[in-house]
N, C-alpha and C. Protein backbone atom coordinates (compact mmCIF):
# COMPACT_ATOMS: atom_id res chain seq x y z
N MET A 1 76.50 79.81 107.71
CA MET A 1 75.90 79.79 106.69
C MET A 1 76.57 80.99 105.65
N VAL A 2 77.00 80.84 104.47
CA VAL A 2 77.36 81.71 103.69
C VAL A 2 76.35 82.33 102.58
N ALA A 3 76.28 83.55 102.70
CA ALA A 3 75.76 84.64 102.05
C ALA A 3 75.73 84.85 100.60
N LYS A 4 74.55 84.50 99.89
CA LYS A 4 74.72 84.32 98.15
C LYS A 4 74.86 85.79 97.81
N LYS A 5 75.94 85.55 96.64
CA LYS A 5 76.31 86.56 96.17
C LYS A 5 75.40 87.09 95.06
N ASP A 6 75.19 88.36 95.08
CA ASP A 6 74.26 89.06 93.90
C ASP A 6 74.90 88.81 92.61
N SER A 7 73.99 88.38 91.87
CA SER A 7 74.81 87.99 90.54
C SER A 7 74.61 89.17 89.43
N ALA A 8 74.01 90.45 90.06
CA ALA A 8 74.15 91.93 89.60
C ALA A 8 75.69 92.51 90.01
N LYS A 9 76.50 91.93 90.86
CA LYS A 9 77.43 92.68 91.62
C LYS A 9 78.63 92.73 90.85
N VAL A 10 79.17 93.56 90.77
CA VAL A 10 80.55 93.81 90.40
C VAL A 10 81.58 92.68 90.13
N HIS A 11 82.46 92.11 89.15
CA HIS A 11 83.33 91.08 89.26
C HIS A 11 84.06 91.50 90.29
N THR A 12 84.72 90.59 90.99
CA THR A 12 85.66 90.30 92.13
C THR A 12 86.57 89.39 91.71
N PRO A 13 87.65 89.86 91.47
CA PRO A 13 88.99 89.11 91.19
C PRO A 13 89.58 88.29 92.11
N ARG A 14 89.91 87.25 91.38
CA ARG A 14 91.05 86.26 92.17
C ARG A 14 92.40 86.70 92.13
N ILE A 15 93.11 86.91 93.24
CA ILE A 15 94.67 87.05 93.36
C ILE A 15 95.23 85.77 93.72
N GLU A 16 96.29 85.47 92.98
CA GLU A 16 96.94 84.04 93.42
C GLU A 16 98.31 84.80 93.55
N ILE A 17 99.04 84.18 94.50
CA ILE A 17 100.49 84.12 95.37
C ILE A 17 101.10 82.71 94.88
N HIS A 18 101.92 82.43 94.07
CA HIS A 18 102.67 81.52 93.92
C HIS A 18 103.96 81.42 94.52
N TYR A 19 104.14 80.53 95.46
CA TYR A 19 105.52 80.60 96.12
C TYR A 19 106.19 79.14 96.00
N CYS A 20 107.61 79.31 96.18
CA CYS A 20 108.06 78.16 96.29
C CYS A 20 108.34 77.37 97.38
N THR A 21 107.84 76.37 97.65
CA THR A 21 107.89 75.78 98.89
C THR A 21 109.39 75.37 99.67
N GLN A 22 110.38 75.17 98.32
CA GLN A 22 111.57 74.69 98.90
C GLN A 22 112.24 75.37 99.42
N CYS A 23 112.21 76.86 98.90
CA CYS A 23 112.88 77.92 99.30
C CYS A 23 112.42 78.90 100.45
N ARG A 24 111.39 78.29 100.74
CA ARG A 24 110.71 78.63 102.22
C ARG A 24 110.08 79.97 102.07
N PHE A 25 109.44 80.15 100.78
CA PHE A 25 108.99 81.52 100.56
C PHE A 25 107.60 81.83 101.32
N ILE A 26 106.84 80.98 101.87
CA ILE A 26 105.51 80.99 102.74
C ILE A 26 105.63 82.08 103.36
N LEU A 27 106.65 82.67 104.13
CA LEU A 27 106.28 83.44 105.06
C LEU A 27 106.23 84.98 104.33
N ARG A 28 106.88 85.15 102.93
CA ARG A 28 106.53 86.43 102.57
C ARG A 28 105.51 86.34 101.56
N ALA A 29 104.91 85.05 101.28
CA ALA A 29 103.73 85.25 100.42
C ALA A 29 102.49 85.14 101.60
N SER A 30 102.68 84.59 102.63
CA SER A 30 101.69 85.18 103.61
C SER A 30 101.44 86.67 104.15
N TRP A 31 102.59 87.20 103.97
CA TRP A 31 102.47 88.60 104.87
C TRP A 31 102.10 89.23 103.59
N LEU A 32 102.43 88.99 102.32
CA LEU A 32 102.01 89.85 101.38
C LEU A 32 100.40 89.68 100.94
N ALA A 33 100.03 88.38 101.43
CA ALA A 33 98.51 87.95 101.05
C ALA A 33 97.65 88.90 102.40
N GLN A 34 98.37 88.89 103.37
CA GLN A 34 97.86 89.75 104.54
C GLN A 34 97.46 91.21 104.05
N GLU A 35 98.75 91.68 103.45
CA GLU A 35 98.42 93.11 103.12
C GLU A 35 97.54 93.23 102.30
N LEU A 36 97.58 92.69 101.19
CA LEU A 36 96.36 92.81 100.34
C LEU A 36 95.05 92.49 100.56
N LEU A 37 95.01 91.39 101.44
CA LEU A 37 93.17 91.38 102.44
C LEU A 37 93.07 92.64 102.77
N MET A 38 94.11 93.20 103.70
CA MET A 38 93.52 94.52 104.50
C MET A 38 93.36 95.66 103.59
N THR A 39 94.21 95.89 102.37
CA THR A 39 94.10 96.92 101.08
C THR A 39 93.00 97.01 100.69
N PHE A 40 93.00 95.90 100.04
CA PHE A 40 91.34 95.18 99.07
C PHE A 40 90.13 95.20 99.42
N ALA A 41 89.98 94.41 100.96
CA ALA A 41 88.82 94.23 101.44
C ALA A 41 88.08 93.44 100.79
N GLU A 42 86.88 94.25 100.20
CA GLU A 42 85.98 93.73 99.61
C GLU A 42 85.97 94.25 98.32
N ARG A 43 87.05 94.53 97.58
CA ARG A 43 87.37 94.61 96.16
C ARG A 43 88.00 93.48 95.45
N ILE A 44 88.42 92.21 96.21
CA ILE A 44 88.34 91.30 95.81
C ILE A 44 87.80 90.00 96.15
N GLY A 45 87.55 88.92 95.42
CA GLY A 45 86.77 87.79 95.67
C GLY A 45 87.42 86.57 96.37
N GLU A 46 88.53 86.73 96.19
CA GLU A 46 89.71 85.46 96.48
C GLU A 46 91.15 85.84 96.54
N LEU A 47 91.52 85.32 97.57
CA LEU A 47 93.20 85.28 97.53
C LEU A 47 93.46 83.73 97.65
N ALA A 48 94.38 83.32 96.98
CA ALA A 48 94.81 81.92 96.84
C ALA A 48 96.27 82.14 97.35
N LEU A 49 96.87 81.34 98.24
CA LEU A 49 98.20 80.88 98.57
C LEU A 49 98.83 79.73 97.26
N VAL A 50 99.56 79.52 96.48
CA VAL A 50 99.54 78.48 95.56
C VAL A 50 100.84 78.04 95.57
N PRO A 51 101.18 76.69 96.62
CA PRO A 51 102.60 76.15 96.84
C PRO A 51 103.25 75.71 95.24
N SER A 52 104.31 76.00 95.29
CA SER A 52 105.16 75.55 94.03
C SER A 52 106.50 75.34 94.06
N SER A 53 107.40 75.41 93.40
CA SER A 53 108.70 74.87 93.24
C SER A 53 109.71 75.56 92.27
N SER A 54 111.03 75.47 92.32
CA SER A 54 111.88 75.94 91.48
C SER A 54 111.94 77.48 91.31
N GLY A 55 112.29 78.10 92.84
CA GLY A 55 112.39 79.33 93.27
C GLY A 55 111.07 80.21 92.83
N VAL A 56 109.95 80.01 92.44
CA VAL A 56 108.82 80.87 91.88
C VAL A 56 108.44 81.55 93.07
N PHE A 57 108.05 82.84 92.60
CA PHE A 57 107.09 83.82 93.40
C PHE A 57 106.60 84.75 92.49
N ALA A 58 105.31 84.38 91.98
CA ALA A 58 104.72 84.87 91.18
C ALA A 58 102.96 85.53 91.75
N VAL A 59 102.91 86.69 91.37
CA VAL A 59 101.43 87.14 91.89
C VAL A 59 100.43 87.32 90.06
N LEU A 60 99.52 86.73 90.60
CA LEU A 60 98.63 86.71 89.54
C LEU A 60 97.15 87.35 90.01
N VAL A 61 96.50 88.04 88.92
CA VAL A 61 95.22 88.82 89.11
C VAL A 61 94.11 87.96 87.81
N ASP A 62 93.34 87.43 88.22
CA ASP A 62 92.25 86.78 87.58
C ASP A 62 93.49 85.79 86.16
N GLY A 63 94.33 85.45 86.58
CA GLY A 63 95.26 84.53 85.97
C GLY A 63 96.05 84.97 85.12
N GLU A 64 96.25 86.44 85.06
CA GLU A 64 97.36 87.02 84.26
C GLU A 64 98.46 87.54 85.53
N GLU A 65 99.51 87.24 85.06
CA GLU A 65 100.77 87.69 85.98
C GLU A 65 100.95 89.42 86.03
N VAL A 66 100.86 89.67 87.39
CA VAL A 66 101.54 91.14 87.54
C VAL A 66 102.70 91.44 87.88
N PHE A 67 103.39 89.88 88.73
CA PHE A 67 104.69 90.45 89.15
C PHE A 67 105.33 89.07 89.14
N SER A 68 106.39 88.80 88.80
CA SER A 68 107.41 87.51 88.86
C SER A 68 108.78 87.82 89.30
N ARG A 69 109.29 87.37 90.34
CA ARG A 69 110.44 87.00 90.76
C ARG A 69 111.63 86.81 89.65
N LYS A 70 111.12 85.99 88.83
CA LYS A 70 111.79 85.50 87.62
C LYS A 70 111.97 86.56 86.73
N THR A 71 111.04 87.34 86.46
CA THR A 71 111.32 88.42 85.53
C THR A 71 111.87 89.37 86.09
N HIS A 72 111.48 90.15 87.27
CA HIS A 72 112.13 91.08 87.97
C HIS A 72 113.19 90.86 88.49
N GLY A 73 113.76 89.53 88.76
CA GLY A 73 115.21 89.46 89.72
C GLY A 73 115.06 89.64 90.98
N ARG A 74 113.97 90.02 91.48
CA ARG A 74 113.79 90.56 93.23
C ARG A 74 112.20 89.82 93.26
N PHE A 75 112.17 90.41 94.46
CA PHE A 75 110.83 90.26 95.41
C PHE A 75 109.84 91.75 95.13
N PRO A 76 108.58 91.87 94.97
CA PRO A 76 107.95 92.87 95.18
C PRO A 76 107.83 93.42 96.53
N ASP A 77 108.06 94.89 96.51
CA ASP A 77 107.69 95.16 98.04
C ASP A 77 106.14 95.60 97.91
N SER A 78 105.49 95.70 99.30
CA SER A 78 104.19 95.70 99.31
C SER A 78 103.48 96.94 98.53
N LYS A 79 104.27 98.23 98.74
CA LYS A 79 103.87 98.97 98.14
C LYS A 79 103.29 99.26 96.71
N GLU A 80 104.75 98.52 95.89
CA GLU A 80 104.46 98.27 94.21
C GLU A 80 103.54 97.04 94.17
N LEU A 81 103.53 96.33 94.89
CA LEU A 81 102.42 95.13 94.62
C LEU A 81 101.04 95.70 94.50
N LYS A 82 100.58 96.43 95.78
CA LYS A 82 99.57 97.00 95.97
C LYS A 82 99.14 98.15 94.72
N GLN A 83 99.97 98.91 94.15
CA GLN A 83 99.70 99.86 92.94
C GLN A 83 99.72 99.01 91.79
N LEU A 84 100.14 97.77 91.53
CA LEU A 84 99.86 96.95 90.37
C LEU A 84 98.49 96.41 90.46
N ILE A 85 98.13 95.66 91.74
CA ILE A 85 97.02 94.92 91.63
C ILE A 85 96.06 96.28 91.38
N ARG A 86 96.00 97.27 92.51
CA ARG A 86 94.98 98.58 92.20
C ARG A 86 94.84 98.91 90.67
N ASP A 87 95.73 98.70 90.05
CA ASP A 87 95.86 99.44 88.51
C ASP A 87 94.82 98.60 87.83
N ARG A 88 94.90 97.32 88.28
CA ARG A 88 94.47 96.15 87.22
C ARG A 88 93.09 96.12 88.01
N ILE A 89 92.25 96.49 89.15
CA ILE A 89 91.40 95.83 89.44
C ILE A 89 90.36 97.25 89.64
N ASP A 90 90.89 98.41 90.38
CA ASP A 90 90.08 99.40 90.40
C ASP A 90 91.21 100.89 90.58
N PRO A 91 91.64 100.94 89.01
CA PRO A 91 92.57 102.26 88.72
C PRO A 91 92.32 103.76 89.63
N ALA A 92 90.74 103.70 89.82
CA ALA A 92 90.52 105.31 90.48
C ALA A 92 90.45 105.16 92.21
N MET A 93 91.21 103.89 92.75
CA MET A 93 91.17 103.66 93.87
C MET A 93 92.46 104.48 94.57
N SER A 94 92.33 105.13 95.59
CA SER A 94 93.34 105.85 96.48
C SER A 94 94.01 104.64 97.29
N LEU A 95 95.53 104.45 97.25
CA LEU A 95 96.30 103.84 98.29
C LEU A 95 96.66 104.71 99.38
N GLY A 96 96.26 105.80 99.65
CA GLY A 96 96.79 106.96 100.67
C GLY A 96 98.24 107.03 100.68
N HIS A 97 98.94 106.70 101.54
CA HIS A 97 100.17 106.58 101.65
C HIS A 97 101.07 105.94 100.77
N SER A 98 100.54 105.02 100.27
CA SER A 98 101.14 104.03 99.20
C SER A 98 101.22 104.36 97.77
N ASP A 99 100.37 105.28 97.75
CA ASP A 99 100.47 106.25 96.60
C ASP A 99 101.72 107.15 96.11
N GLU A 100 102.17 107.72 97.33
CA GLU A 100 102.93 108.77 97.41
C GLU A 100 104.64 108.31 97.06
């Protein structure tokens, strides 16, 4: 049985990681998903892995892109992605060694 969410509860964002299945980016996407789930625990409401194509690797928070492989010409590293998401969902949150 799933507990009901309190309607007075603070908004918990949805994070999406879009990854190219043809390029086999699933391992990177799932690793970053695990890192985000461990870091943000109950600060996020949902994390989705979204299969895509055409070399896509993008991370969205509530539908807004925070990182794109196409735009940056590279993949995000874990520290960078955590900082980008933290700045969007809880700017006061300490990331410990990831803030250094």
